Amino acid sequence: MVTGDDSFLNMARADSLLRRAAQAGVKLAVLPENTFFMGTEPAQILAQAKPLDEDHPWIAFLSARSRELDLWIVAVLPVESEIPGRVHNTAIVIDDKGELVADYHKIHLFDVDLPGDIHKESAVMAPGHRAVVVPTPWGNLGLTVCYDLRFPALYQHLRRLGADIIVVPSAFTRTTTRAHWELLIRARAIENQCLVIAPNQAGTHPGNRHTGGHSMVVDAWGRVLGEGDEENEGVITAIFDPIEQSDIRRRMPVLEHRGLFDDTGAQG
């Protein structure tokens, strides 16, 4: 997606993309971070946040589309936090019956100072504190969001919780997409032997904000099964092969091989 600051237009774009995905035979659709709104001011983001329930207009929209299109849908929304003046950046999972079956508050907040790219998510967002894995018809689905991708311990924990597929809906900057995006996605897929689904925002947004696109699906062997381009909206599809993934895990049981080590520091 190339999300802007008009939530109604963004909803129409998401609707079109979900319909294209369903027509292509997709059963699990994952939208990028900032699915329905990409604003530049904290007040704008706070104004979009609603309680996490069926009255949330975007949840109601996604529930209706999931039932109509026979889709499981993952999207990311701003949700009211218990901390005044803060929101949670929340990934939600809606099943093909329109039921909200899981939610995950993004744990790692993007506070960085890069050349031409300064972000401070903690100015408006509150971090989550729990890892989430939800059963689906295709296996257990682990939830992460964007900057979480740089923290392998979270992904390792999701694998220990039974994850077979991990999603990482994102709005990676153009700078960091070009430098690290594919490397990180493939590393998380290989080291945890999971399918990783990583939709990314793509293009130019309000406030002259640039994201890097290249939405990607990578299998447990690190192969890129599908990839988008840098600038444009679109639908990327891939087929998950759970039998092959199980065979990879059986032949190279890295989860069983992980050893204990002393982390108190070197001596000498």
Protein backbone atom coordinates (compact mmCIF):
# COMPACT_ATOMS: atom_id res chain seq x y z
CA MET A 1 0.00 0.00 0.00
CA VAL A 2 0.86 3.69 -0.30
CA THR A 3 -1.15 4.91 2.67
CA GLY A 4 -1.92 8.61 3.09
CA ASP A 5 -3.75 10.72 5.65
CA ASP A 6 -7.27 10.25 4.21
CA SER A 7 -8.60 7.21 6.05
CA PHE A 8 -11.62 6.81 3.75
CA LEU A 9 -9.39 6.72 0.65
CA ASN A 10 -7.05 4.28 2.39
CA MET A 11 -10.00 2.04 3.24
CA ALA A 12 -11.06 2.05 -0.42
CA ARG A 13 -7.51 1.09 -1.44
CA ALA A 14 -7.41 -1.72 1.10
CA ASP A 15 -10.81 -2.92 -0.12
CA SER A 16 -9.58 -3.08 -3.72
CA LEU A 17 -6.41 -4.95 -2.75
CA LEU A 18 -8.28 -7.47 -0.59
CA ARG A 19 -10.68 -8.18 -3.44
CA ARG A 20 -7.78 -8.68 -5.85
CA ALA A 21 -6.16 -11.06 -3.36
CA ALA A 22 -9.36 -13.07 -2.95
CA GLN A 23 -9.78 -13.30 -6.72
CA ALA A 24 -6.23 -14.70 -6.90
CA GLY A 25 -7.18 -17.47 -4.46
CA VAL A 26 -5.57 -16.00 -1.35
CA LYS A 27 -6.88 -17.28 2.00
CA LEU A 28 -4.59 -15.34 4.38
CA ALA A 29 -4.15 -11.65 3.50
CA VAL A 30 -1.67 -9.44 5.35
CA LEU A 31 -1.81 -5.65 4.99
CA PRO A 32 1.14 -3.39 5.90
CA GLU A 33 1.63 -1.28 9.01
CA ASN A 34 -0.37 1.97 9.02
CA THR A 35 -3.04 0.21 6.98
CA PHE A 36 -5.60 3.00 7.18
CA PHE A 37 -3.69 6.11 8.19
CA MET A 38 -0.20 7.56 7.73
CA GLY A 39 -0.09 10.93 9.49
CA THR A 40 2.84 13.12 10.50
CA GLU A 41 1.62 14.79 13.71
CA PRO A 42 1.08 13.08 17.09
CA ALA A 43 -2.34 14.72 17.43
CA GLN A 44 -3.43 13.15 14.13
CA ILE A 45 -2.40 9.69 15.26
CA LEU A 46 -4.06 10.08 18.66
CA ALA A 47 -7.28 11.19 16.97
CA GLN A 48 -7.39 7.96 14.94
CA ALA A 49 -7.05 5.64 17.94
CA LYS A 50 -10.18 3.80 19.10
CA PRO A 51 -10.87 1.01 21.61
CA LEU A 52 -10.14 -2.51 20.37
CA ASP A 53 -13.67 -3.79 19.80
CA GLU A 54 -16.23 -4.43 17.07
CA ASP A 55 -17.30 -0.77 17.14
CA HIS A 56 -13.90 0.30 15.79
CA PRO A 57 -14.81 1.38 12.23
CA TRP A 58 -11.78 -0.26 10.64
CA ILE A 59 -12.31 -3.52 12.51
CA ALA A 60 -15.95 -3.49 11.39
CA PHE A 61 -14.81 -2.98 7.78
CA LEU A 62 -12.25 -5.80 7.95
CA SER A 63 -14.73 -8.16 9.60
CA ALA A 64 -17.26 -7.55 6.83
CA ARG A 65 -14.65 -8.13 4.12
CA SER A 66 -13.34 -11.30 5.76
CA ARG A 67 -16.84 -12.81 5.75
CA GLU A 68 -17.62 -11.66 2.22
CA LEU A 69 -14.30 -12.76 0.71
CA ASP A 70 -13.66 -15.86 2.86
CA LEU A 71 -10.34 -14.41 4.05
CA TRP A 72 -8.28 -14.37 7.19
CA ILE A 73 -6.91 -10.80 7.43
CA VAL A 74 -4.01 -9.25 9.35
CA ALA A 75 -3.86 -5.46 9.61
CA VAL A 76 -2.29 -2.85 11.91
CA LEU A 77 -4.32 -0.10 13.63
CA PRO A 78 -3.76 2.59 16.27
CA VAL A 79 -5.58 1.45 19.41
CA GLU A 80 -6.27 3.38 22.60
CA SER A 81 -3.71 2.80 25.34
CA GLU A 82 -4.18 2.78 29.09
CA ILE A 83 -1.50 5.52 29.18
CA PRO A 84 -2.94 9.01 28.51
CA GLY A 85 -1.56 10.60 25.35
CA ARG A 86 -0.26 7.29 23.98
CA VAL A 87 -1.60 4.70 21.56
CA HIS A 88 -0.69 1.09 20.85
CA ASN A 89 0.36 0.18 17.33
CA THR A 90 -1.65 -3.01 17.16
CA ALA A 91 -1.65 -5.93 14.74
CA ILE A 92 -5.02 -7.69 14.63
CA VAL A 93 -6.06 -11.02 13.18
CA ILE A 94 -9.60 -11.50 11.88
CA ASP A 95 -10.72 -14.96 10.81
CA ASP A 96 -12.90 -15.84 7.81
CA LYS A 97 -16.02 -15.61 9.99
CA GLY A 98 -15.28 -11.96 10.76
CA GLU A 99 -14.18 -12.64 14.35
CA LEU A 100 -11.28 -10.76 15.96
CA VAL A 101 -9.19 -13.72 17.17
CA ALA A 102 -5.90 -12.08 18.20
CA ASP A 103 -4.21 -8.75 18.80
CA TYR A 104 -0.59 -7.80 19.37
CA HIS A 105 0.77 -4.45 20.57
CA LYS A 106 4.07 -3.63 18.88
CA ILE A 107 6.86 -4.12 21.42
CA HIS A 108 9.83 -2.30 19.87
CA LEU A 109 9.35 1.42 19.14
CA PHE A 110 11.21 3.12 16.30
CA ASP A 111 13.23 5.93 17.94
CA VAL A 112 16.11 6.60 15.53
CA ASP A 113 18.23 9.44 14.19
CA LEU A 114 19.38 8.56 10.70
CA PRO A 115 20.59 11.03 8.03
CA GLY A 116 17.40 12.64 6.74
CA ASP A 117 15.24 10.22 8.74
CA ILE A 118 14.41 11.10 12.35
CA HIS A 119 11.62 9.15 14.05
CA LYS A 120 10.45 9.00 17.64
CA GLU A 121 7.52 6.62 17.95
CA SER A 122 7.66 6.76 21.75
CA ALA A 123 6.40 10.35 21.58
CA VAL A 124 2.93 9.02 20.80
CA MET A 125 3.07 5.22 21.17
CA ALA A 126 3.22 2.88 24.16
CA PRO A 127 5.05 -0.44 23.76
CA GLY A 128 3.40 -3.81 24.19
CA HIS A 129 4.87 -6.51 26.41
CA ARG A 130 3.54 -9.88 25.23
CA ALA A 131 4.33 -12.15 22.33
CA VAL A 132 1.33 -13.52 20.45
CA VAL A 133 0.83 -16.74 18.46
CA VAL A 134 -2.62 -17.66 17.14
CA PRO A 135 -3.80 -20.96 15.58
CA THR A 136 -4.95 -20.80 11.94
CA PRO A 137 -5.94 -23.45 9.38
CA TRP A 138 -2.37 -23.32 7.99
CA GLY A 139 -0.45 -23.51 11.26
CA ASN A 140 0.36 -21.22 14.15
CA LEU A 141 0.72 -17.55 13.23
CA GLY A 142 3.20 -15.33 15.11
CA LEU A 143 2.64 -11.58 15.13
CA THR A 144 5.29 -8.86 14.84
CA VAL A 145 5.29 -5.31 13.45
CA CYS A 146 7.97 -3.42 11.49
CA TYR A 147 10.88 -2.48 13.83
CA ASP A 148 10.39 -5.77 15.70
CA LEU A 149 12.19 -7.32 12.72
CA ARG A 150 15.53 -6.15 14.14
CA PHE A 151 15.10 -8.11 17.39
CA PRO A 152 15.73 -11.81 16.77
CA ALA A 153 14.95 -12.85 20.36
CA LEU A 154 11.27 -12.07 19.77
CA TYR A 155 11.20 -14.29 16.69
CA GLN A 156 13.00 -17.08 18.52
CA HIS A 157 10.43 -16.84 21.28
CA LEU A 158 7.58 -17.03 18.75
CA ARG A 159 9.14 -20.18 17.30
CA ARG A 160 9.37 -21.70 20.79
CA LEU A 161 5.67 -20.85 21.22
CA GLY A 162 4.97 -22.94 18.13
CA ALA A 163 4.92 -20.42 15.28
CA ASP A 164 4.93 -21.86 11.75
CA ILE A 165 4.29 -18.55 10.00
CA ILE A 166 5.39 -15.09 11.19
CA VAL A 167 3.98 -11.86 9.81
CA VAL A 168 5.77 -8.51 9.92
CA PRO A 169 3.49 -5.77 8.50
CA SER A 170 5.77 -2.77 8.09
CA ALA A 171 6.40 0.82 7.09
CA PHE A 172 10.18 0.52 6.73
CA THR A 173 11.82 3.74 5.59
CA ARG A 174 13.29 3.84 2.10
CA THR A 175 16.79 4.14 3.60
CA THR A 176 16.50 1.11 5.87
CA THR A 177 14.60 -0.93 3.27
CA ARG A 178 17.40 -0.53 0.77
CA ALA A 179 20.06 -1.34 3.38
CA HIS A 180 18.58 -4.11 5.52
CA TRP A 181 15.03 -5.23 4.64
CA GLU A 182 15.68 -8.38 2.62
CA LEU A 183 18.64 -9.41 4.78
CA LEU A 184 16.59 -9.21 7.97
CA ILE A 185 13.53 -11.00 6.59
CA ARG A 186 15.55 -13.86 5.16
CA ALA A 187 17.58 -14.16 8.38
CA ARG A 188 14.44 -14.36 10.54
CA ALA A 189 12.96 -16.98 8.19
CA ILE A 190 16.10 -19.13 8.06
CA GLU A 191 17.06 -19.04 11.74
CA ASN A 192 13.52 -19.84 12.90
CA GLN A 193 12.54 -22.10 9.98
CA CYS A 194 9.27 -20.23 9.49
CA LEU A 195 7.45 -18.70 6.56
CA VAL A 196 7.79 -14.92 6.93
CA ILE A 197 5.16 -12.65 5.33
CA ALA A 198 6.37 -9.04 5.21
CA PRO A 199 4.11 -6.48 3.49
CA ASN A 200 5.69 -3.01 3.44
CA GLN A 201 4.46 0.48 2.68
CA ALA A 202 5.79 1.65 -0.70
CA GLY A 203 6.36 5.18 -1.95
CA THR A 204 5.82 8.75 -0.79
CA HIS A 205 3.45 9.70 2.05
CA PRO A 206 2.33 12.95 3.72
CA GLY A 207 5.14 15.05 5.15
CA ASN A 208 7.47 13.86 2.37
CA ARG A 209 7.91 10.55 4.19
CA HIS A 210 9.36 7.77 2.02
CA THR A 211 8.98 4.03 2.53
CA GLY A 212 10.82 1.33 0.67
CA GLY A 213 8.32 -1.23 -0.60
CA HIS A 214 9.63 -4.62 -1.69
CA SER A 215 6.89 -6.48 0.16
CA MET A 216 8.15 -10.02 0.47
CA VAL A 217 7.27 -13.61 1.34
CA VAL A 218 10.22 -15.82 2.33
CA ASP A 219 10.13 -19.53 3.14
CA ALA A 220 11.90 -21.47 5.88
CA TRP A 221 14.90 -22.14 3.60
CA GLY A 222 15.33 -18.41 2.92
CA ARG A 223 13.92 -18.44 -0.59
CA VAL A 224 12.01 -15.35 -1.73
CA LEU A 225 8.64 -16.68 -2.92
CA GLY A 226 7.18 -13.31 -3.90
CA GLU A 227 8.31 -9.68 -3.96
CA GLY A 228 6.84 -6.27 -4.78
CA ASP A 229 8.58 -3.18 -6.12
CA GLU A 230 9.70 0.00 -4.37
CA GLU A 231 7.04 2.48 -5.38
CA ASN A 232 3.66 0.95 -6.14
CA GLU A 233 0.69 -0.72 -4.48
CA GLY A 234 0.00 -4.30 -5.41
CA VAL A 235 -0.79 -7.85 -4.34
CA ILE A 236 2.03 -10.33 -3.76
CA THR A 237 1.00 -13.99 -3.55
CA ALA A 238 2.82 -17.13 -2.50
CA ILE A 239 1.98 -20.74 -1.64
CA PHE A 240 2.91 -22.08 1.79
CA ASP A 241 4.18 -25.68 1.79
CA PRO A 242 3.89 -26.95 5.39
CA ILE A 243 5.12 -30.43 4.44
CA GLU A 244 8.38 -29.06 3.05
CA GLN A 245 8.78 -26.79 6.08
CA SER A 246 8.32 -29.73 8.43
CA ASP A 247 10.95 -31.65 6.47
CA ILE A 248 13.41 -28.72 6.77
CA ARG A 249 12.85 -28.67 10.52
CA ARG A 250 13.27 -32.44 10.80
CA ARG A 251 16.49 -32.53 8.80
CA MET A 252 18.01 -29.53 10.60
CA PRO A 253 16.42 -29.38 14.10
CA VAL A 254 17.89 -26.02 15.14
CA LEU A 255 15.32 -25.53 17.90
CA GLU A 256 16.64 -28.67 19.60
CA HIS A 257 20.26 -27.65 19.01
CA ARG A 258 20.10 -24.29 20.79
CA GLY A 259 22.42 -24.48 23.76
CA LEU A 260 22.74 -22.67 27.05
CA PHE A 261 25.60 -20.24 27.58
CA ASP A 262 26.97 -18.04 30.33
CA ASP A 263 26.03 -14.42 29.61
CA THR A 264 27.80 -12.87 32.58
CA GLY A 265 30.65 -11.59 30.41
CA ALA A 266 34.17 -12.52 29.39
CA GLN A 267 36.98 -12.95 31.87
CA GLY A 268 40.66 -12.38 31.53
